[in-house]
């Protein structure tokens, strides 16, 4: 895919336009839109602690930097918030 089309996709997505509308306006598939935006998302951060995530080509995309953050995030969702500075939920 050409760089100018990727830039158009990124700009349209930042304006809040959905995948289907972007695909129809640029006459490309929804999958192409999704892949272009996925490539753009290389600066992803951990959903719990905010550390930058490193992705491995061909592997599932990470959401958390490690298992500890994943457990803590899900526990915080059960208990309704983030932990305090001591790692305990209130």
C-alpha atoms as a PDB file:
ATOM      1  CA  UNK A   1       0.000   0.000   0.000  1.00  0.00           C
ATOM      2  CA  UNK A   2       1.290   3.455  -0.882  1.00  0.00           C
ATOM      3  CA  UNK A   3       2.361   5.831   1.858  1.00  0.00           C
ATOM      4  CA  UNK A   4      -0.090   8.537   0.770  1.00  0.00           C
ATOM      5  CA  UNK A   5      -3.048   6.158   1.202  1.00  0.00           C
ATOM      6  CA  UNK A   6      -1.771   5.131   4.652  1.00  0.00           C
ATOM      7  CA  UNK A   7      -1.544   8.810   5.594  1.00  0.00           C
ATOM      8  CA  UNK A   8      -5.119   9.403   4.390  1.00  0.00           C
ATOM      9  CA  UNK A   9      -6.332   6.423   6.415  1.00  0.00           C
ATOM     10  CA  UNK A  10      -4.567   7.702   9.533  1.00  0.00           C
ATOM     11  CA  UNK A  11      -5.942  11.227   9.116  1.00  0.00           C
ATOM     12  CA  UNK A  12      -9.490  10.003   8.547  1.00  0.00           C
ATOM     13  CA  UNK A  13      -9.306   7.711  11.569  1.00  0.00           C
ATOM     14  CA  UNK A  14      -8.037  10.554  13.772  1.00  0.00           C
ATOM     15  CA  UNK A  15     -11.075  12.573  12.655  1.00  0.00           C
ATOM     16  CA  UNK A  16     -13.275   9.813  14.048  1.00  0.00           C
ATOM     17  CA  UNK A  17     -14.316   8.216  10.763  1.00  0.00           C
ATOM     18  CA  UNK A  18     -14.959   4.468  11.027  1.00  0.00           C
ATOM     19  CA  UNK A  19     -13.242   1.652   9.160  1.00  0.00           C
ATOM     20  CA  UNK A  20     -16.174   0.971   6.820  1.00  0.00           C
ATOM     21  CA  UNK A  21     -16.528   4.588   5.740  1.00  0.00           C
ATOM     22  CA  UNK A  22     -12.765   4.966   5.223  1.00  0.00           C
ATOM     23  CA  UNK A  23     -12.718   1.798   3.122  1.00  0.00           C
ATOM     24  CA  UNK A  24     -15.653   2.885   0.972  1.00  0.00           C
ATOM     25  CA  UNK A  25     -14.300   6.400   0.388  1.00  0.00           C
ATOM     26  CA  UNK A  26     -10.833   5.156  -0.605  1.00  0.00           C
ATOM     27  CA  UNK A  27     -12.153   2.098  -2.508  1.00  0.00           C
ATOM     28  CA  UNK A  28     -10.115  -0.388  -0.470  1.00  0.00           C
ATOM     29  CA  UNK A  29     -11.070  -3.297   1.773  1.00  0.00           C
ATOM     30  CA  UNK A  30     -11.832  -2.945   5.473  1.00  0.00           C
ATOM     31  CA  UNK A  31      -8.965  -5.348   6.159  1.00  0.00           C
ATOM     32  CA  UNK A  32      -6.539  -2.993   4.431  1.00  0.00           C
ATOM     33  CA  UNK A  33      -7.744  -0.139   6.628  1.00  0.00           C
ATOM     34  CA  UNK A  34      -7.363  -2.282   9.745  1.00  0.00           C
ATOM     35  CA  UNK A  35      -3.837  -3.377   8.760  1.00  0.00           C
ATOM     36  CA  UNK A  36      -2.732   0.171   7.968  1.00  0.00           C
ATOM     37  CA  UNK A  37      -3.954   1.394  11.351  1.00  0.00           C
ATOM     38  CA  UNK A  38      -2.377  -1.572  13.122  1.00  0.00           C
ATOM     39  CA  UNK A  39       1.015  -0.701  11.594  1.00  0.00           C
ATOM     40  CA  UNK A  40       0.574   2.846  12.842  1.00  0.00           C
ATOM     41  CA  UNK A  41      -0.014   1.579  16.386  1.00  0.00           C
ATOM     42  CA  UNK A  42       3.632   0.698  17.072  1.00  0.00           C
ATOM     43  CA  UNK A  43       3.765   3.066  20.040  1.00  0.00           C
ATOM     44  CA  UNK A  44       1.334   1.074  22.183  1.00  0.00           C
ATOM     45  CA  UNK A  45       1.584   1.192  25.951  1.00  0.00           C
ATOM     46  CA  UNK A  46       0.653  -1.218  28.758  1.00  0.00           C
ATOM     47  CA  UNK A  47      -2.993  -0.872  29.747  1.00  0.00           C
ATOM     48  CA  UNK A  48      -2.087  -0.906  33.457  1.00  0.00           C
ATOM     49  CA  UNK A  49       1.332   0.661  34.095  1.00  0.00           C
ATOM     50  CA  UNK A  50       1.902   2.720  30.940  1.00  0.00           C
ATOM     51  CA  UNK A  51       5.229   1.164  29.858  1.00  0.00           C
ATOM     52  CA  UNK A  52       5.959   0.974  26.137  1.00  0.00           C
ATOM     53  CA  UNK A  53       5.180  -2.443  24.653  1.00  0.00           C
ATOM     54  CA  UNK A  54       7.475  -4.313  22.286  1.00  0.00           C
ATOM     55  CA  UNK A  55       5.793  -6.448  19.638  1.00  0.00           C
ATOM     56  CA  UNK A  56       7.139  -9.592  17.994  1.00  0.00           C
ATOM     57  CA  UNK A  57       6.366 -10.016  14.315  1.00  0.00           C
ATOM     58  CA  UNK A  58       3.856 -12.795  13.714  1.00  0.00           C
ATOM     59  CA  UNK A  59       2.731 -12.968  17.353  1.00  0.00           C
ATOM     60  CA  UNK A  60      -0.458 -11.782  19.010  1.00  0.00           C
ATOM     61  CA  UNK A  61      -0.350  -8.096  19.954  1.00  0.00           C
ATOM     62  CA  UNK A  62       0.221  -7.442  23.628  1.00  0.00           C
ATOM     63  CA  UNK A  63      -2.018  -5.303  25.825  1.00  0.00           C
ATOM     64  CA  UNK A  64      -0.009  -5.644  29.058  1.00  0.00           C
ATOM     65  CA  UNK A  65       3.755  -5.606  29.556  1.00  0.00           C
ATOM     66  CA  UNK A  66       3.737  -8.744  31.763  1.00  0.00           C
ATOM     67  CA  UNK A  67       1.491 -11.136  33.681  1.00  0.00           C
ATOM     68  CA  UNK A  68       1.716  -9.071  36.851  1.00  0.00           C
ATOM     69  CA  UNK A  69       0.206  -6.031  35.121  1.00  0.00           C
ATOM     70  CA  UNK A  70      -2.473  -8.210  33.562  1.00  0.00           C
ATOM     71  CA  UNK A  71      -3.470  -9.689  36.945  1.00  0.00           C
ATOM     72  CA  UNK A  72      -3.374  -6.304  38.656  1.00  0.00           C
ATOM     73  CA  UNK A  73      -5.483  -4.706  35.923  1.00  0.00           C
ATOM     74  CA  UNK A  74      -8.173  -7.372  36.129  1.00  0.00           C
ATOM     75  CA  UNK A  75      -8.190  -7.261  39.927  1.00  0.00           C
ATOM     76  CA  UNK A  76      -8.577  -3.496  39.803  1.00  0.00           C
ATOM     77  CA  UNK A  77     -11.554  -3.870  37.480  1.00  0.00           C
ATOM     78  CA  UNK A  78     -13.204  -6.274  39.920  1.00  0.00           C
ATOM     79  CA  UNK A  79     -12.615  -3.939  42.842  1.00  0.00           C
ATOM     80  CA  UNK A  80     -13.336  -0.716  40.973  1.00  0.00           C
ATOM     81  CA  UNK A  81     -10.099   1.211  40.559  1.00  0.00           C
ATOM     82  CA  UNK A  82      -6.304   1.285  40.469  1.00  0.00           C
ATOM     83  CA  UNK A  83      -4.154   0.286  43.419  1.00  0.00           C
ATOM     84  CA  UNK A  84      -2.636   2.853  45.757  1.00  0.00           C
ATOM     85  CA  UNK A  85       1.127   3.460  45.988  1.00  0.00           C
ATOM     86  CA  UNK A  86       1.525   0.275  48.082  1.00  0.00           C
ATOM     87  CA  UNK A  87      -0.124  -1.926  45.443  1.00  0.00           C
ATOM     88  CA  UNK A  88      -3.263  -2.494  47.525  1.00  0.00           C
ATOM     89  CA  UNK A  89      -6.826  -1.927  46.417  1.00  0.00           C
ATOM     90  CA  UNK A  90      -9.076   0.173  48.576  1.00  0.00           C
END
